[in-house]
Amino acid sequence: KDLLPILDRVFQDAETAINEFRGTPENPPEECDRQIEENQKTLDKLKELLEAS
């Protein structure tokens, strides 16, 4: 359970990093959105697993 705030922070930092590079040639906005969505799904899954344990 103590991991939840850490996980939130890690994924928040990842989203911030993705947004910093949004719109550069290597990172079109739709790819950034897709990556953020994937990260959110991963975070939700990790939270589920932690809460179940």
N, C-alpha and C. Protein backbone atom coordinates (compact mmCIF):
# COMPACT_ATOMS: atom_id res chain seq x y z
N LYS A 1 0.83 -1.21 0.00
CA LYS A 1 0.00 0.00 0.00
C LYS A 1 0.87 1.27 0.00
N ASP A 2 2.00 1.19 0.64
CA ASP A 2 2.90 2.35 0.66
C ASP A 2 3.45 2.68 -0.73
N LEU A 3 3.33 1.73 -1.64
CA LEU A 3 3.85 1.95 -2.99
C LEU A 3 2.93 2.84 -3.83
N LEU A 4 1.67 2.95 -3.46
CA LEU A 4 0.72 3.71 -4.28
C LEU A 4 1.17 5.15 -4.54
N PRO A 5 1.55 5.92 -3.51
CA PRO A 5 1.98 7.29 -3.78
C PRO A 5 3.23 7.35 -4.66
N ILE A 6 4.11 6.37 -4.49
CA ILE A 6 5.33 6.32 -5.30
C ILE A 6 4.96 6.05 -6.76
N LEU A 7 4.07 5.08 -6.97
CA LEU A 7 3.63 4.77 -8.34
C LEU A 7 2.98 5.99 -8.98
N ASP A 8 2.10 6.66 -8.24
CA ASP A 8 1.45 7.86 -8.77
C ASP A 8 2.49 8.88 -9.22
N ARG A 9 3.49 9.07 -8.39
CA ARG A 9 4.53 10.06 -8.68
C ARG A 9 5.33 9.67 -9.93
N VAL A 10 5.71 8.41 -10.02
CA VAL A 10 6.49 7.93 -11.17
C VAL A 10 5.71 8.15 -12.46
N PHE A 11 4.43 7.77 -12.45
CA PHE A 11 3.63 7.90 -13.67
C PHE A 11 3.31 9.36 -13.98
N GLN A 12 3.19 10.18 -12.95
CA GLN A 12 2.98 11.61 -13.15
C GLN A 12 4.22 12.23 -13.80
N ASP A 13 5.39 11.84 -13.31
CA ASP A 13 6.64 12.33 -13.90
C ASP A 13 6.78 11.88 -15.34
N ALA A 14 6.38 10.64 -15.62
CA ALA A 14 6.44 10.12 -17.00
C ALA A 14 5.53 10.95 -17.91
N GLU A 15 4.34 11.27 -17.43
CA GLU A 15 3.41 12.07 -18.24
C GLU A 15 3.97 13.47 -18.48
N THR A 16 4.58 14.05 -17.46
CA THR A 16 5.21 15.37 -17.60
C THR A 16 6.30 15.32 -18.66
N ALA A 17 7.12 14.29 -18.61
CA ALA A 17 8.21 14.14 -19.58
C ALA A 17 7.65 13.98 -21.00
N ILE A 18 6.62 13.15 -21.14
CA ILE A 18 5.99 12.96 -22.46
C ILE A 18 5.47 14.30 -22.99
N ASN A 19 4.82 15.06 -22.14
CA ASN A 19 4.24 16.34 -22.57
C ASN A 19 5.30 17.37 -22.93
N GLU A 20 6.47 17.30 -22.29
CA GLU A 20 7.55 18.23 -22.62
C GLU A 20 8.02 18.05 -24.05
N PHE A 21 7.92 16.83 -24.57
CA PHE A 21 8.40 16.55 -25.92
C PHE A 21 7.26 16.49 -26.94
N ARG A 22 6.05 16.74 -26.49
CA ARG A 22 4.88 16.70 -27.38
C ARG A 22 5.09 17.66 -28.56
N GLY A 23 4.79 17.16 -29.74
CA GLY A 23 4.85 18.02 -30.92
C GLY A 23 6.21 18.07 -31.60
N THR A 24 7.24 17.47 -31.00
CA THR A 24 8.51 17.40 -31.70
C THR A 24 8.36 16.35 -32.80
N PRO A 25 9.22 16.40 -33.83
CA PRO A 25 9.04 15.47 -34.95
C PRO A 25 8.95 14.00 -34.53
N GLU A 26 9.71 13.60 -33.54
CA GLU A 26 9.70 12.20 -33.09
C GLU A 26 8.49 11.88 -32.21
N ASN A 27 7.81 12.91 -31.75
CA ASN A 27 6.71 12.71 -30.79
C ASN A 27 5.46 13.48 -31.20
N PRO A 28 4.77 13.00 -32.24
CA PRO A 28 3.53 13.68 -32.62
C PRO A 28 2.50 13.58 -31.48
N PRO A 29 1.61 14.56 -31.38
CA PRO A 29 0.64 14.59 -30.27
C PRO A 29 -0.14 13.29 -30.09
N GLU A 30 -0.56 12.66 -31.21
CA GLU A 30 -1.36 11.43 -31.06
C GLU A 30 -0.53 10.30 -30.44
N GLU A 31 0.76 10.26 -30.74
CA GLU A 31 1.63 9.25 -30.13
C GLU A 31 1.80 9.54 -28.64
N CYS A 32 1.93 10.80 -28.28
CA CYS A 32 2.04 11.19 -26.87
C CYS A 32 0.77 10.79 -26.11
N ASP A 33 -0.38 11.07 -26.72
CA ASP A 33 -1.66 10.71 -26.09
C ASP A 33 -1.75 9.20 -25.89
N ARG A 34 -1.32 8.45 -26.91
CA ARG A 34 -1.38 6.99 -26.84
C ARG A 34 -0.48 6.49 -25.70
N GLN A 35 0.70 7.07 -25.59
CA GLN A 35 1.64 6.66 -24.56
C GLN A 35 1.10 6.97 -23.16
N ILE A 36 0.52 8.14 -23.00
CA ILE A 36 -0.07 8.53 -21.71
C ILE A 36 -1.21 7.57 -21.35
N GLU A 37 -2.02 7.22 -22.34
CA GLU A 37 -3.13 6.29 -22.12
C GLU A 37 -2.60 4.91 -21.69
N GLU A 38 -1.56 4.44 -22.37
CA GLU A 38 -0.94 3.16 -22.00
C GLU A 38 -0.41 3.21 -20.56
N ASN A 39 0.25 4.31 -20.22
CA ASN A 39 0.78 4.46 -18.87
C ASN A 39 -0.34 4.42 -17.84
N GLN A 40 -1.46 5.07 -18.15
CA GLN A 40 -2.59 5.09 -17.22
C GLN A 40 -3.15 3.69 -17.01
N LYS A 41 -3.24 2.92 -18.10
CA LYS A 41 -3.73 1.54 -17.99
C LYS A 41 -2.79 0.72 -17.12
N THR A 42 -1.50 0.91 -17.33
CA THR A 42 -0.50 0.19 -16.54
C THR A 42 -0.61 0.58 -15.06
N LEU A 43 -0.74 1.86 -14.80
CA LEU A 43 -0.87 2.35 -13.42
C LEU A 43 -2.11 1.76 -12.76
N ASP A 44 -3.23 1.76 -13.47
CA ASP A 44 -4.48 1.21 -12.93
C ASP A 44 -4.30 -0.28 -12.59
N LYS A 45 -3.65 -1.00 -13.48
CA LYS A 45 -3.42 -2.44 -13.28
C LYS A 45 -2.54 -2.66 -12.05
N LEU A 46 -1.47 -1.89 -11.94
CA LEU A 46 -0.57 -2.02 -10.78
C LEU A 46 -1.32 -1.72 -9.48
N LYS A 47 -2.15 -0.69 -9.49
CA LYS A 47 -2.93 -0.35 -8.29
C LYS A 47 -3.86 -1.50 -7.91
N GLU A 48 -4.51 -2.09 -8.93
CA GLU A 48 -5.39 -3.24 -8.69
C GLU A 48 -4.63 -4.37 -8.01
N LEU A 49 -3.47 -4.68 -8.56
CA LEU A 49 -2.66 -5.77 -8.02
C LEU A 49 -2.22 -5.48 -6.59
N LEU A 50 -1.82 -4.24 -6.34
CA LEU A 50 -1.38 -3.87 -4.99
C LEU A 50 -2.53 -3.96 -3.99
N GLU A 51 -3.70 -3.48 -4.40
CA GLU A 51 -4.84 -3.50 -3.49
C GLU A 51 -5.31 -4.92 -3.22
N ALA A 52 -5.11 -5.81 -4.17
CA ALA A 52 -5.51 -7.21 -4.01
C ALA A 52 -4.55 -7.97 -3.09
N SER A 53 -3.33 -7.47 -2.99
CA SER A 53 -2.34 -8.22 -2.19
C SER A 53 -2.43 -7.90 -0.71
